[in-house]
């Protein structure tokens, strides 16, 4: 799981990443990434609306995304903020599909892996 320093908690940070960051999308999710010049661990935030499903489904999707991001933590440059918006199709996606979507978007957007 993601430790506290690796999570976005402020609404202003979410808005800034979504508005100013680069985006990569797919049928199941949209990833916004904003590199910053700060010396800190990368942070992740998740947006999962009620359109995704019931509370049980939304929490399952959130837990899967957190586990995927915890695995990708070492590949993200320091100071980077990432927001993942789950789309309704993510409710029926399995773990491997979500992992592939997140990995593809992170590779495409991350300045280090280009």
C-alpha atoms as a PDB file:
ATOM      1  CA  UNK A   1       0.000   0.000   0.000  1.00  0.00           C
ATOM      2  CA  UNK A   2       0.975   3.604  -0.393  1.00  0.00           C
ATOM      3  CA  UNK A   3       2.476   5.272   2.651  1.00  0.00           C
ATOM      4  CA  UNK A   4       1.239   8.690   3.774  1.00  0.00           C
ATOM      5  CA  UNK A   5       4.096  10.655   2.112  1.00  0.00           C
ATOM      6  CA  UNK A   6       3.132   9.048  -1.212  1.00  0.00           C
ATOM      7  CA  UNK A   7      -0.465  10.278  -1.231  1.00  0.00           C
ATOM      8  CA  UNK A   8      -2.031  13.524  -2.388  1.00  0.00           C
ATOM      9  CA  UNK A   9      -4.323  14.803   0.340  1.00  0.00           C
ATOM     10  CA  UNK A  10      -4.971  18.465  -0.489  1.00  0.00           C
ATOM     11  CA  UNK A  11      -7.746  19.394  -2.912  1.00  0.00           C
ATOM     12  CA  UNK A  12      -5.659  22.232  -4.318  1.00  0.00           C
ATOM     13  CA  UNK A  13      -2.921  19.753  -5.258  1.00  0.00           C
ATOM     14  CA  UNK A  14      -5.474  17.547  -7.045  1.00  0.00           C
ATOM     15  CA  UNK A  15      -6.801  20.529  -9.014  1.00  0.00           C
ATOM     16  CA  UNK A  16      -3.319  21.674  -9.965  1.00  0.00           C
ATOM     17  CA  UNK A  17      -2.278  18.248 -11.262  1.00  0.00           C
ATOM     18  CA  UNK A  18      -5.512  17.765 -13.228  1.00  0.00           C
ATOM     19  CA  UNK A  19      -5.444  21.270 -14.730  1.00  0.00           C
ATOM     20  CA  UNK A  20      -1.717  21.736 -15.404  1.00  0.00           C
ATOM     21  CA  UNK A  21      -0.446  18.195 -15.759  1.00  0.00           C
ATOM     22  CA  UNK A  22      -0.055  16.097 -18.865  1.00  0.00           C
ATOM     23  CA  UNK A  23      -2.819  13.575 -19.528  1.00  0.00           C
ATOM     24  CA  UNK A  24      -2.969  10.084 -20.914  1.00  0.00           C
ATOM     25  CA  UNK A  25      -6.260   8.252 -21.207  1.00  0.00           C
ATOM     26  CA  UNK A  26      -7.778   4.976 -22.100  1.00  0.00           C
ATOM     27  CA  UNK A  27     -11.120   3.215 -21.860  1.00  0.00           C
ATOM     28  CA  UNK A  28     -10.746   2.513 -18.129  1.00  0.00           C
ATOM     29  CA  UNK A  29      -8.892   5.485 -16.651  1.00  0.00           C
ATOM     30  CA  UNK A  30      -7.237   8.856 -17.168  1.00  0.00           C
ATOM     31  CA  UNK A  31      -3.785   9.552 -15.720  1.00  0.00           C
ATOM     32  CA  UNK A  32      -2.614  13.125 -15.087  1.00  0.00           C
ATOM     33  CA  UNK A  33       1.069  13.641 -14.258  1.00  0.00           C
ATOM     34  CA  UNK A  34       2.741  16.866 -13.107  1.00  0.00           C
ATOM     35  CA  UNK A  35       6.523  16.831 -12.548  1.00  0.00           C
ATOM     36  CA  UNK A  36       7.771  19.313  -9.943  1.00  0.00           C
ATOM     37  CA  UNK A  37      11.234  20.340  -8.882  1.00  0.00           C
ATOM     38  CA  UNK A  38      10.669  19.481  -5.216  1.00  0.00           C
ATOM     39  CA  UNK A  39      12.883  17.047  -3.319  1.00  0.00           C
ATOM     40  CA  UNK A  40      10.245  14.615  -2.048  1.00  0.00           C
ATOM     41  CA  UNK A  41       8.758  11.260  -2.815  1.00  0.00           C
ATOM     42  CA  UNK A  42       6.275  10.990  -5.699  1.00  0.00           C
ATOM     43  CA  UNK A  43       2.635  11.361  -4.662  1.00  0.00           C
ATOM     44  CA  UNK A  44      -0.503   9.704  -6.014  1.00  0.00           C
ATOM     45  CA  UNK A  45      -4.152  10.692  -5.850  1.00  0.00           C
ATOM     46  CA  UNK A  46      -7.255   8.839  -6.977  1.00  0.00           C
ATOM     47  CA  UNK A  47     -10.597  10.136  -8.240  1.00  0.00           C
ATOM     48  CA  UNK A  48     -13.309   7.496  -8.343  1.00  0.00           C
ATOM     49  CA  UNK A  49     -16.832   8.853  -8.821  1.00  0.00           C
ATOM     50  CA  UNK A  50     -20.152   7.207  -8.130  1.00  0.00           C
ATOM     51  CA  UNK A  51     -20.494   6.511 -11.857  1.00  0.00           C
ATOM     52  CA  UNK A  52     -17.952   3.709 -11.372  1.00  0.00           C
ATOM     53  CA  UNK A  53     -20.357   1.771  -9.165  1.00  0.00           C
ATOM     54  CA  UNK A  54     -21.411   1.126  -5.606  1.00  0.00           C
ATOM     55  CA  UNK A  55     -19.155   1.856  -2.647  1.00  0.00           C
ATOM     56  CA  UNK A  56     -17.886  -1.728  -2.650  1.00  0.00           C
ATOM     57  CA  UNK A  57     -16.922  -1.527  -6.330  1.00  0.00           C
ATOM     58  CA  UNK A  58     -15.320   1.923  -5.957  1.00  0.00           C
ATOM     59  CA  UNK A  59     -13.252   0.785  -2.983  1.00  0.00           C
ATOM     60  CA  UNK A  60     -12.132  -2.334  -4.850  1.00  0.00           C
ATOM     61  CA  UNK A  61     -10.978  -0.206  -7.791  1.00  0.00           C
ATOM     62  CA  UNK A  62      -9.207   2.202  -5.417  1.00  0.00           C
ATOM     63  CA  UNK A  63      -7.387  -0.626  -3.618  1.00  0.00           C
ATOM     64  CA  UNK A  64      -6.266  -2.115  -6.932  1.00  0.00           C
ATOM     65  CA  UNK A  65      -4.975   1.251  -8.159  1.00  0.00           C
ATOM     66  CA  UNK A  66      -3.116   1.849  -4.880  1.00  0.00           C
ATOM     67  CA  UNK A  67      -1.411  -1.543  -5.143  1.00  0.00           C
ATOM     68  CA  UNK A  68      -0.427  -0.868  -8.759  1.00  0.00           C
ATOM     69  CA  UNK A  69       1.007   2.543  -7.861  1.00  0.00           C
ATOM     70  CA  UNK A  70       2.921   1.100  -4.909  1.00  0.00           C
ATOM     71  CA  UNK A  71       4.616  -1.311  -7.336  1.00  0.00           C
ATOM     72  CA  UNK A  72       5.445   1.519  -9.776  1.00  0.00           C
ATOM     73  CA  UNK A  73       6.771   3.834  -7.059  1.00  0.00           C
ATOM     74  CA  UNK A  74      10.426   3.210  -7.870  1.00  0.00           C
ATOM     75  CA  UNK A  75       9.920   4.118 -11.548  1.00  0.00           C
ATOM     76  CA  UNK A  76       8.427   7.574 -10.859  1.00  0.00           C
ATOM     77  CA  UNK A  77      10.857  10.532 -10.583  1.00  0.00           C
ATOM     78  CA  UNK A  78      11.114  12.446  -7.297  1.00  0.00           C
ATOM     79  CA  UNK A  79       8.697  15.329  -6.849  1.00  0.00           C
ATOM     80  CA  UNK A  80       6.145  14.016  -9.341  1.00  0.00           C
ATOM     81  CA  UNK A  81       2.414  14.157  -8.620  1.00  0.00           C
ATOM     82  CA  UNK A  82       0.070  11.688 -10.315  1.00  0.00           C
ATOM     83  CA  UNK A  83      -3.744  11.712 -10.279  1.00  0.00           C
ATOM     84  CA  UNK A  84      -5.654   8.726 -11.622  1.00  0.00           C
ATOM     85  CA  UNK A  85      -9.332   9.173 -12.528  1.00  0.00           C
ATOM     86  CA  UNK A  86     -11.195   5.880 -12.796  1.00  0.00           C
ATOM     87  CA  UNK A  87     -13.824   5.685 -15.530  1.00  0.00           C
ATOM     88  CA  UNK A  88     -16.922   3.451 -15.298  1.00  0.00           C
ATOM     89  CA  UNK A  89     -15.259   0.697 -17.374  1.00  0.00           C
ATOM     90  CA  UNK A  90     -12.682   0.234 -14.592  1.00  0.00           C
ATOM     91  CA  UNK A  91     -15.368  -1.444 -12.458  1.00  0.00           C
ATOM     92  CA  UNK A  92     -15.368  -4.527 -14.671  1.00  0.00           C
ATOM     93  CA  UNK A  93     -11.648  -4.529 -15.490  1.00  0.00           C
ATOM     94  CA  UNK A  94      -9.385  -7.068 -13.860  1.00  0.00           C
ATOM     95  CA  UNK A  95      -6.134  -6.237 -12.085  1.00  0.00           C
ATOM     96  CA  UNK A  96      -3.928  -7.009 -15.112  1.00  0.00           C
ATOM     97  CA  UNK A  97      -5.884  -4.639 -17.362  1.00  0.00           C
ATOM     98  CA  UNK A  98      -5.671  -1.800 -14.849  1.00  0.00           C
ATOM     99  CA  UNK A  99      -1.951  -2.446 -14.361  1.00  0.00           C
ATOM    100  CA  UNK A 100      -1.358  -2.349 -18.112  1.00  0.00           C
ATOM    101  CA  UNK A 101      -3.287   0.927 -18.503  1.00  0.00           C
ATOM    102  CA  UNK A 102      -1.523   2.669 -15.624  1.00  0.00           C
ATOM    103  CA  UNK A 103       1.907   1.398 -16.709  1.00  0.00           C
ATOM    104  CA  UNK A 104       1.381   2.524 -20.307  1.00  0.00           C
ATOM    105  CA  UNK A 105       0.327   6.020 -19.239  1.00  0.00           C
ATOM    106  CA  UNK A 106       3.136   6.412 -16.700  1.00  0.00           C
ATOM    107  CA  UNK A 107       5.722   5.349 -19.295  1.00  0.00           C
ATOM    108  CA  UNK A 108       4.264   7.758 -21.838  1.00  0.00           C
ATOM    109  CA  UNK A 109       4.111  10.757 -19.485  1.00  0.00           C
ATOM    110  CA  UNK A 110       7.145  10.308 -17.257  1.00  0.00           C
ATOM    111  CA  UNK A 111      10.075  12.513 -18.356  1.00  0.00           C
ATOM    112  CA  UNK A 112      12.727  10.042 -17.135  1.00  0.00           C
ATOM    113  CA  UNK A 113      11.486   7.038 -19.105  1.00  0.00           C
ATOM    114  CA  UNK A 114      11.153   8.855 -22.447  1.00  0.00           C
END
